[in-house]
Amino acid sequence: MLFLTNKTQPELTGWISLLAGEEDKEILLVGDAVFYATNFMMEQFDTIGVEEVYVSKPCLATRGVKVSGRCRVVDYDEMVPLIMEEQEKMIQI
């Protein structure tokens, strides 16, 4: 299950845990949510079982965030198939 988020939210990990349950979890960070692409947040995502974290390259460029090595930086040409084809379920939070 892919979670798409475009803003920072205090209860993001709680929502992901609640909505995904035992399903595989992946996150695509766009907009201000790219601020979650840090080592600290990767630890938080690990605790709830997130397997992959994708980060929008264009959004990073405008915000200057130092990205964790665990994140996969993607451009628009990679985001579209990720959302439209590769995932069975996608939830925007």
C-alpha atoms as a PDB file:
ATOM      1  CA  MET A   1       0.000   0.000   0.000  1.00  0.00           C
ATOM      2  CA  LEU A   2       1.390   3.385  -1.001  1.00  0.00           C
ATOM      3  CA  PHE A   3       0.774   6.429   1.167  1.00  0.00           C
ATOM      4  CA  LEU A   4       1.110   9.791  -0.555  1.00  0.00           C
ATOM      5  CA  THR A   5       1.550  12.778   1.700  1.00  0.00           C
ATOM      6  CA  ASN A   6       2.284  16.405   0.862  1.00  0.00           C
ATOM      7  CA  LYS A   7       2.456  18.059   4.278  1.00  0.00           C
ATOM      8  CA  THR A   8       3.868  17.446   7.716  1.00  0.00           C
ATOM      9  CA  GLN A   9       1.394  16.023  10.208  1.00  0.00           C
ATOM     10  CA  PRO A  10       1.979  15.169  13.871  1.00  0.00           C
ATOM     11  CA  GLU A  11       0.114  11.851  13.657  1.00  0.00           C
ATOM     12  CA  LEU A  12       1.414  10.630  10.283  1.00  0.00           C
ATOM     13  CA  THR A  13       2.874   7.363  11.594  1.00  0.00           C
ATOM     14  CA  GLY A  14      -0.280   6.657  13.578  1.00  0.00           C
ATOM     15  CA  TRP A  15      -2.475   7.116  10.510  1.00  0.00           C
ATOM     16  CA  ILE A  16      -0.253   4.876   8.412  1.00  0.00           C
ATOM     17  CA  SER A  17      -0.301   2.132  11.051  1.00  0.00           C
ATOM     18  CA  LEU A  18      -4.061   2.364  11.442  1.00  0.00           C
ATOM     19  CA  LEU A  19      -4.926   2.426   7.741  1.00  0.00           C
ATOM     20  CA  ALA A  20      -2.438  -0.182   6.512  1.00  0.00           C
ATOM     21  CA  GLY A  21      -2.614  -2.661   9.359  1.00  0.00           C
ATOM     22  CA  GLU A  22      -0.523  -5.686   8.377  1.00  0.00           C
ATOM     23  CA  GLU A  23      -0.223  -4.755   4.681  1.00  0.00           C
ATOM     24  CA  ASP A  24       3.090  -3.738   3.115  1.00  0.00           C
ATOM     25  CA  LYS A  25       3.692  -0.022   3.588  1.00  0.00           C
ATOM     26  CA  GLU A  26       5.456   2.449   1.296  1.00  0.00           C
ATOM     27  CA  ILE A  27       5.424   6.253   1.430  1.00  0.00           C
ATOM     28  CA  LEU A  28       5.821   8.907  -1.252  1.00  0.00           C
ATOM     29  CA  LEU A  29       6.793  12.276   0.204  1.00  0.00           C
ATOM     30  CA  VAL A  30       5.975  15.361  -1.896  1.00  0.00           C
ATOM     31  CA  GLY A  31       5.576  19.056  -1.090  1.00  0.00           C
ATOM     32  CA  ASP A  32       6.438  19.967   2.503  1.00  0.00           C
ATOM     33  CA  ALA A  33       6.372  16.279   3.474  1.00  0.00           C
ATOM     34  CA  VAL A  34       9.916  15.981   2.101  1.00  0.00           C
ATOM     35  CA  PHE A  35      10.997  17.339   5.483  1.00  0.00           C
ATOM     36  CA  TYR A  36      10.297  13.763   6.704  1.00  0.00           C
ATOM     37  CA  ALA A  37      13.160  12.409   4.574  1.00  0.00           C
ATOM     38  CA  THR A  38      15.556  12.603   7.535  1.00  0.00           C
ATOM     39  CA  ASN A  39      17.332   9.861   9.472  1.00  0.00           C
ATOM     40  CA  PHE A  40      15.163  10.561  12.525  1.00  0.00           C
ATOM     41  CA  MET A  41      11.933   9.986  10.599  1.00  0.00           C
ATOM     42  CA  MET A  42      13.333   6.877   8.905  1.00  0.00           C
ATOM     43  CA  GLU A  43      13.658   5.381  12.397  1.00  0.00           C
ATOM     44  CA  GLN A  44      10.014   6.281  13.087  1.00  0.00           C
ATOM     45  CA  PHE A  45       8.921   4.732   9.797  1.00  0.00           C
ATOM     46  CA  ASP A  46      10.923   1.589  10.600  1.00  0.00           C
ATOM     47  CA  THR A  47       9.018   1.126  13.860  1.00  0.00           C
ATOM     48  CA  ILE A  48       5.714   0.913  11.971  1.00  0.00           C
ATOM     49  CA  GLY A  49       7.054  -1.364   9.230  1.00  0.00           C
ATOM     50  CA  VAL A  50       7.470   1.014   6.294  1.00  0.00           C
ATOM     51  CA  GLU A  51       9.499  -0.799   3.668  1.00  0.00           C
ATOM     52  CA  GLU A  52      10.245   1.959   1.163  1.00  0.00           C
ATOM     53  CA  VAL A  53      10.265   5.760   1.327  1.00  0.00           C
ATOM     54  CA  TYR A  54      10.192   7.705  -1.949  1.00  0.00           C
ATOM     55  CA  VAL A  55      10.965  11.423  -2.024  1.00  0.00           C
ATOM     56  CA  SER A  56      10.119  13.899  -4.779  1.00  0.00           C
ATOM     57  CA  LYS A  57      13.296  15.258  -6.354  1.00  0.00           C
ATOM     58  CA  PRO A  58      11.666  18.528  -7.519  1.00  0.00           C
ATOM     59  CA  CYS A  59      10.285  19.173  -4.022  1.00  0.00           C
ATOM     60  CA  LEU A  60      13.675  18.500  -2.452  1.00  0.00           C
ATOM     61  CA  ALA A  61      15.353  20.956  -4.792  1.00  0.00           C
ATOM     62  CA  THR A  62      13.207  23.840  -3.561  1.00  0.00           C
ATOM     63  CA  ARG A  63      13.488  22.974   0.152  1.00  0.00           C
ATOM     64  CA  GLY A  64      17.140  22.010   0.585  1.00  0.00           C
ATOM     65  CA  VAL A  65      16.534  19.011   2.856  1.00  0.00           C
ATOM     66  CA  LYS A  66      19.400  16.658   3.687  1.00  0.00           C
ATOM     67  CA  VAL A  67      17.950  13.284   2.695  1.00  0.00           C
ATOM     68  CA  SER A  68      18.546  10.027   4.520  1.00  0.00           C
ATOM     69  CA  GLY A  69      20.424   7.431   2.497  1.00  0.00           C
ATOM     70  CA  ARG A  70      17.482   5.094   3.054  1.00  0.00           C
ATOM     71  CA  CYS A  71      15.170   7.220   0.898  1.00  0.00           C
ATOM     72  CA  ARG A  72      14.777   6.729  -2.817  1.00  0.00           C
ATOM     73  CA  VAL A  73      14.687  10.099  -4.592  1.00  0.00           C
ATOM     74  CA  VAL A  74      12.328  10.012  -7.584  1.00  0.00           C
ATOM     75  CA  ASP A  75      11.453  12.398 -10.391  1.00  0.00           C
ATOM     76  CA  TYR A  76       8.040  12.827 -12.016  1.00  0.00           C
ATOM     77  CA  ASP A  77       8.731  10.151 -14.623  1.00  0.00           C
ATOM     78  CA  GLU A  78       9.196   7.646 -11.773  1.00  0.00           C
ATOM     79  CA  MET A  79       6.334   8.918  -9.592  1.00  0.00           C
ATOM     80  CA  VAL A  80       3.601   8.441 -12.184  1.00  0.00           C
ATOM     81  CA  PRO A  81       4.122   4.680 -12.677  1.00  0.00           C
ATOM     82  CA  LEU A  82       4.622   4.270  -8.950  1.00  0.00           C
ATOM     83  CA  ILE A  83       1.194   5.759  -8.256  1.00  0.00           C
ATOM     84  CA  MET A  84      -0.715   4.522 -11.300  1.00  0.00           C
ATOM     85  CA  GLU A  85       0.735   1.091 -12.055  1.00  0.00           C
ATOM     86  CA  GLU A  86       3.011  -0.386  -9.426  1.00  0.00           C
ATOM     87  CA  GLN A  87       0.749  -0.105  -6.399  1.00  0.00           C
ATOM     88  CA  GLU A  88      -2.497  -1.955  -5.869  1.00  0.00           C
ATOM     89  CA  LYS A  89      -3.718   0.601  -3.306  1.00  0.00           C
ATOM     90  CA  MET A  90      -2.809   4.244  -2.772  1.00  0.00           C
ATOM     91  CA  ILE A  91      -4.020   6.519   0.025  1.00  0.00           C
ATOM     92  CA  GLN A  92      -3.361  10.226   0.266  1.00  0.00           C
ATOM     93  CA  ILE A  93      -3.004  11.533   3.804  1.00  0.00           C
END
